Amino acid sequence: MELIDLFGKIIVVEQIPPWSQLKNVDISELSSGIYILKIRWGNNVVYGKVMKE
């Protein structure tokens, strides 16, 4: 799992075990804004948007 800022900089990299259904990530130190969440498993990649106020 990667959390990427809107400039393309990777801010957070975390490993998620394949059997896990939930992952908490501490973003308290990040500035307010919009980030892109990238999750990979096998050959699949899913992107999502994270907004921190």
PDB file of N, CA and C in Angstrom:
ATOM      1  N   MET A   1       0.839  -1.147   0.000  1.00  0.00           N
ATOM      2  CA  MET A   1       0.000   0.000   0.000  1.00  0.00           C
ATOM      3  C   MET A   1       0.898   1.227   0.000  1.00  0.00           C
ATOM      4  N   GLU A   2       0.566   2.177  -0.859  1.00  0.00           N
ATOM      5  CA  GLU A   2       1.313   3.435  -0.911  1.00  0.00           C
ATOM      6  C   GLU A   2       0.338   4.594  -0.799  1.00  0.00           C
ATOM      7  N   LEU A   3       0.754   5.631  -0.097  1.00  0.00           N
ATOM      8  CA  LEU A   3       0.005   6.876  -0.045  1.00  0.00           C
ATOM      9  C   LEU A   3       0.866   7.910  -0.745  1.00  0.00           C
ATOM     10  N   ILE A   4       0.308   8.553  -1.768  1.00  0.00           N
ATOM     11  CA  ILE A   4       1.067   9.417  -2.671  1.00  0.00           C
ATOM     12  C   ILE A   4       0.444  10.802  -2.657  1.00  0.00           C
ATOM     13  N   ASP A   5       1.284  11.848  -2.586  1.00  0.00           N
ATOM     14  CA  ASP A   5       0.728  13.203  -2.651  1.00  0.00           C
ATOM     15  C   ASP A   5       0.427  13.565  -4.104  1.00  0.00           C
ATOM     16  N   LEU A   6      -0.180  14.723  -4.309  1.00  0.00           N
ATOM     17  CA  LEU A   6      -0.599  15.100  -5.666  1.00  0.00           C
ATOM     18  C   LEU A   6       0.559  15.497  -6.572  1.00  0.00           C
ATOM     19  N   PHE A   7       1.770  15.569  -6.016  1.00  0.00           N
ATOM     20  CA  PHE A   7       2.960  15.830  -6.823  1.00  0.00           C
ATOM     21  C   PHE A   7       3.643  14.528  -7.238  1.00  0.00           C
ATOM     22  N   GLY A   8       3.085  13.388  -6.790  1.00  0.00           N
ATOM     23  CA  GLY A   8       3.638  12.087  -7.145  1.00  0.00           C
ATOM     24  C   GLY A   8       4.642  11.546  -6.155  1.00  0.00           C
ATOM     25  N   LYS A   9       4.868  12.254  -5.052  1.00  0.00           N
ATOM     26  CA  LYS A   9       5.821  11.806  -4.033  1.00  0.00           C
ATOM     27  C   LYS A   9       5.164  10.755  -3.144  1.00  0.00           C
ATOM     28  N   ILE A  10       5.854   9.628  -2.961  1.00  0.00           N
ATOM     29  CA  ILE A  10       5.342   8.568  -2.092  1.00  0.00           C
ATOM     30  C   ILE A  10       5.581   8.990  -0.646  1.00  0.00           C
ATOM     31  N   ILE A  11       4.502   9.114   0.105  1.00  0.00           N
ATOM     32  CA  ILE A  11       4.554   9.604   1.477  1.00  0.00           C
ATOM     33  C   ILE A  11       4.627   8.453   2.476  1.00  0.00           C
ATOM     34  N   VAL A  12       3.843   7.409   2.252  1.00  0.00           N
ATOM     35  CA  VAL A  12       3.767   6.267   3.164  1.00  0.00           C
ATOM     36  C   VAL A  12       3.823   4.989   2.343  1.00  0.00           C
ATOM     37  N   VAL A  13       4.607   4.027   2.815  1.00  0.00           N
ATOM     38  CA  VAL A  13       4.630   2.686   2.220  1.00  0.00           C
ATOM     39  C   VAL A  13       4.399   1.697   3.357  1.00  0.00           C
ATOM     40  N   GLU A  14       3.405   0.863   3.221  1.00  0.00           N
ATOM     41  CA  GLU A  14       3.075  -0.138   4.238  1.00  0.00           C
ATOM     42  C   GLU A  14       2.818  -1.466   3.545  1.00  0.00           C
ATOM     43  N   GLN A  15       3.242  -2.538   4.170  1.00  0.00           N
ATOM     44  CA  GLN A  15       2.938  -3.876   3.669  1.00  0.00           C
ATOM     45  C   GLN A  15       1.633  -4.344   4.299  1.00  0.00           C
ATOM     46  N   ILE A  16       0.766  -4.909   3.498  1.00  0.00           N
ATOM     47  CA  ILE A  16      -0.498  -5.455   3.984  1.00  0.00           C
ATOM     48  C   ILE A  16      -0.473  -6.958   3.732  1.00  0.00           C
ATOM     49  N   PRO A  17      -0.573  -7.768   4.785  1.00  0.00           N
ATOM     50  CA  PRO A  17      -0.596  -9.217   4.579  1.00  0.00           C
ATOM     51  C   PRO A  17      -1.787  -9.621   3.705  1.00  0.00           C
ATOM     52  N   PRO A  18      -1.622 -10.639   2.862  1.00  0.00           N
ATOM     53  CA  PRO A  18      -2.686 -11.040   1.937  1.00  0.00           C
ATOM     54  C   PRO A  18      -3.988 -11.436   2.636  1.00  0.00           C
ATOM     55  N   TRP A  19      -3.911 -11.911   3.870  1.00  0.00           N
ATOM     56  CA  TRP A  19      -5.107 -12.352   4.586  1.00  0.00           C
ATOM     57  C   TRP A  19      -5.798 -11.198   5.324  1.00  0.00           C
ATOM     58  N   SER A  20      -5.186 -10.032   5.332  1.00  0.00           N
ATOM     59  CA  SER A  20      -5.727  -8.895   6.076  1.00  0.00           C
ATOM     60  C   SER A  20      -6.872  -8.230   5.316  1.00  0.00           C
ATOM     61  N   GLN A  21      -7.916  -7.852   6.045  1.00  0.00           N
ATOM     62  CA  GLN A  21      -9.037  -7.133   5.443  1.00  0.00           C
ATOM     63  C   GLN A  21      -9.079  -5.681   5.891  1.00  0.00           C
ATOM     64  N   LEU A  22      -8.249  -5.316   6.883  1.00  0.00           N
ATOM     65  CA  LEU A  22      -8.276  -3.972   7.439  1.00  0.00           C
ATOM     66  C   LEU A  22      -6.856  -3.542   7.771  1.00  0.00           C
ATOM     67  N   LYS A  23      -6.520  -2.295   7.440  1.00  0.00           N
ATOM     68  CA  LYS A  23      -5.193  -1.760   7.750  1.00  0.00           C
ATOM     69  C   LYS A  23      -5.357  -0.323   8.209  1.00  0.00           C
ATOM     70  N   ASN A  24      -4.906  -0.030   9.411  1.00  0.00           N
ATOM     71  CA  ASN A  24      -4.912   1.339   9.917  1.00  0.00           C
ATOM     72  C   ASN A  24      -3.575   1.987   9.607  1.00  0.00           C
ATOM     73  N   VAL A  25      -3.620   3.209   9.111  1.00  0.00           N
ATOM     74  CA  VAL A  25      -2.409   3.951   8.787  1.00  0.00           C
ATOM     75  C   VAL A  25      -2.492   5.302   9.485  1.00  0.00           C
ATOM     76  N   ASP A  26      -1.463   5.649  10.242  1.00  0.00           N
ATOM     77  CA  ASP A  26      -1.435   6.919  10.966  1.00  0.00           C
ATOM     78  C   ASP A  26      -1.058   8.042  10.002  1.00  0.00           C
ATOM     79  N   ILE A  27      -2.005   8.937   9.745  1.00  0.00           N
ATOM     80  CA  ILE A  27      -1.736  10.083   8.868  1.00  0.00           C
ATOM     81  C   ILE A  27      -1.792  11.392   9.650  1.00  0.00           C
ATOM     82  N   SER A  28      -1.690  11.305  10.966  1.00  0.00           N
ATOM     83  CA  SER A  28      -1.804  12.500  11.806  1.00  0.00           C
ATOM     84  C   SER A  28      -0.701  13.514  11.525  1.00  0.00           C
ATOM     85  N   GLU A  29       0.446  13.064  11.078  1.00  0.00           N
ATOM     86  CA  GLU A  29       1.571  13.968  10.807  1.00  0.00           C
ATOM     87  C   GLU A  29       1.501  14.605   9.417  1.00  0.00           C
ATOM     88  N   LEU A  30       0.594  14.140   8.569  1.00  0.00           N
ATOM     89  CA  LEU A  30       0.493  14.674   7.211  1.00  0.00           C
ATOM     90  C   LEU A  30      -0.258  15.993   7.198  1.00  0.00           C
ATOM     91  N   SER A  31       0.079  16.831   6.246  1.00  0.00           N
ATOM     92  CA  SER A  31      -0.630  18.093   6.050  1.00  0.00           C
ATOM     93  C   SER A  31      -2.026  17.821   5.503  1.00  0.00           C
ATOM     94  N   SER A  32      -2.933  18.759   5.734  1.00  0.00           N
ATOM     95  CA  SER A  32      -4.270  18.654   5.152  1.00  0.00           C
ATOM     96  C   SER A  32      -4.153  18.650   3.636  1.00  0.00           C
ATOM     97  N   GLY A  33      -5.017  17.892   2.987  1.00  0.00           N
ATOM     98  CA  GLY A  33      -4.999  17.851   1.531  1.00  0.00           C
ATOM     99  C   GLY A  33      -5.535  16.541   1.006  1.00  0.00           C
ATOM    100  N   ILE A  34      -5.322  16.321  -0.272  1.00  0.00           N
ATOM    101  CA  ILE A  34      -5.795  15.122  -0.957  1.00  0.00           C
ATOM    102  C   ILE A  34      -4.590  14.251  -1.299  1.00  0.00           C
ATOM    103  N   TYR A  35      -4.740  12.972  -1.057  1.00  0.00           N
ATOM    104  CA  TYR A  35      -3.691  11.998  -1.325  1.00  0.00           C
ATOM    105  C   TYR A  35      -4.285  10.859  -2.142  1.00  0.00           C
ATOM    106  N   ILE A  36      -3.431  10.162  -2.871  1.00  0.00           N
ATOM    107  CA  ILE A  36      -3.844   9.006  -3.663  1.00  0.00           C
ATOM    108  C   ILE A  36      -3.392   7.746  -2.928  1.00  0.00           C
ATOM    109  N   LEU A  37      -4.310   6.824  -2.756  1.00  0.00           N
ATOM    110  CA  LEU A  37      -4.023   5.540  -2.128  1.00  0.00           C
ATOM    111  C   LEU A  37      -3.865   4.499  -3.230  1.00  0.00           C
ATOM    112  N   LYS A  38      -2.759   3.783  -3.213  1.00  0.00           N
ATOM    113  CA  LYS A  38      -2.479   2.755  -4.223  1.00  0.00           C
ATOM    114  C   LYS A  38      -2.298   1.423  -3.505  1.00  0.00           C
ATOM    115  N   ILE A  39      -3.128   0.470  -3.863  1.00  0.00           N
ATOM    116  CA  ILE A  39      -3.056  -0.859  -3.256  1.00  0.00           C
ATOM    117  C   ILE A  39      -2.814  -1.874  -4.359  1.00  0.00           C
ATOM    118  N   ARG A  40      -1.800  -2.723  -4.143  1.00  0.00           N
ATOM    119  CA  ARG A  40      -1.457  -3.774  -5.108  1.00  0.00           C
ATOM    120  C   ARG A  40      -1.627  -5.137  -4.462  1.00  0.00           C
ATOM    121  N   TRP A  41      -2.198  -6.054  -5.201  1.00  0.00           N
ATOM    122  CA  TRP A  41      -2.200  -7.451  -4.788  1.00  0.00           C
ATOM    123  C   TRP A  41      -2.122  -8.283  -6.051  1.00  0.00           C
ATOM    124  N   GLY A  42      -1.090  -9.104  -6.098  1.00  0.00           N
ATOM    125  CA  GLY A  42      -0.846  -9.886  -7.307  1.00  0.00           C
ATOM    126  C   GLY A  42      -0.603  -8.965  -8.489  1.00  0.00           C
ATOM    127  N   ASN A  43      -1.329  -9.191  -9.570  1.00  0.00           N
ATOM    128  CA  ASN A  43      -1.214  -8.357 -10.767  1.00  0.00           C
ATOM    129  C   ASN A  43      -2.231  -7.222 -10.792  1.00  0.00           C
ATOM    130  N   ASN A  44      -2.978  -7.054  -9.711  1.00  0.00           N
ATOM    131  CA  ASN A  44      -4.030  -6.040  -9.647  1.00  0.00           C
ATOM    132  C   ASN A  44      -3.561  -4.799  -8.894  1.00  0.00           C
ATOM    133  N   VAL A  45      -4.043  -3.643  -9.339  1.00  0.00           N
ATOM    134  CA  VAL A  45      -3.761  -2.368  -8.669  1.00  0.00           C
ATOM    135  C   VAL A  45      -5.073  -1.600  -8.560  1.00  0.00           C
ATOM    136  N   VAL A  46      -5.336  -1.078  -7.361  1.00  0.00           N
ATOM    137  CA  VAL A  46      -6.534  -0.273  -7.127  1.00  0.00           C
ATOM    138  C   VAL A  46      -6.093   1.072  -6.573  1.00  0.00           C
ATOM    139  N   TYR A  47      -6.709   2.147  -7.076  1.00  0.00           N
ATOM    140  CA  TYR A  47      -6.414   3.495  -6.606  1.00  0.00           C
ATOM    141  C   TYR A  47      -7.641   4.062  -5.903  1.00  0.00           C
ATOM    142  N   GLY A  48      -7.389   4.865  -4.886  1.00  0.00           N
ATOM    143  CA  GLY A  48      -8.466   5.555  -4.192  1.00  0.00           C
ATOM    144  C   GLY A  48      -7.990   6.932  -3.775  1.00  0.00           C
ATOM    145  N   LYS A  49      -8.918   7.751  -3.355  1.00  0.00           N
ATOM    146  CA  LYS A  49      -8.597   9.110  -2.928  1.00  0.00           C
ATOM    147  C   LYS A  49      -8.781   9.201  -1.417  1.00  0.00           C
ATOM    148  N   VAL A  50      -7.822   9.836  -0.742  1.00  0.00           N
ATOM    149  CA  VAL A  50      -7.888  10.070   0.699  1.00  0.00           C
ATOM    150  C   VAL A  50      -7.836  11.569   0.914  1.00  0.00           C
ATOM    151  N   MET A  51      -8.793  12.090   1.668  1.00  0.00           N
ATOM    152  CA  MET A  51      -8.814  13.522   1.958  1.00  0.00           C
ATOM    153  C   MET A  51      -8.600  13.719   3.453  1.00  0.00           C
ATOM    154  N   LYS A  52      -7.590  14.504   3.799  1.00  0.00           N
ATOM    155  CA  LYS A  52      -7.331  14.828   5.201  1.00  0.00           C
ATOM    156  C   LYS A  52      -7.671  16.289   5.422  1.00  0.00           C
ATOM    157  N   GLU A  53      -8.523  16.532   6.410  1.00  0.00           N
ATOM    158  CA  GLU A  53      -8.914  17.908   6.709  1.00  0.00           C
ATOM    159  C   GLU A  53      -8.105  18.453   7.858  1.00  0.00           C
TER     160      GLU A  53
END
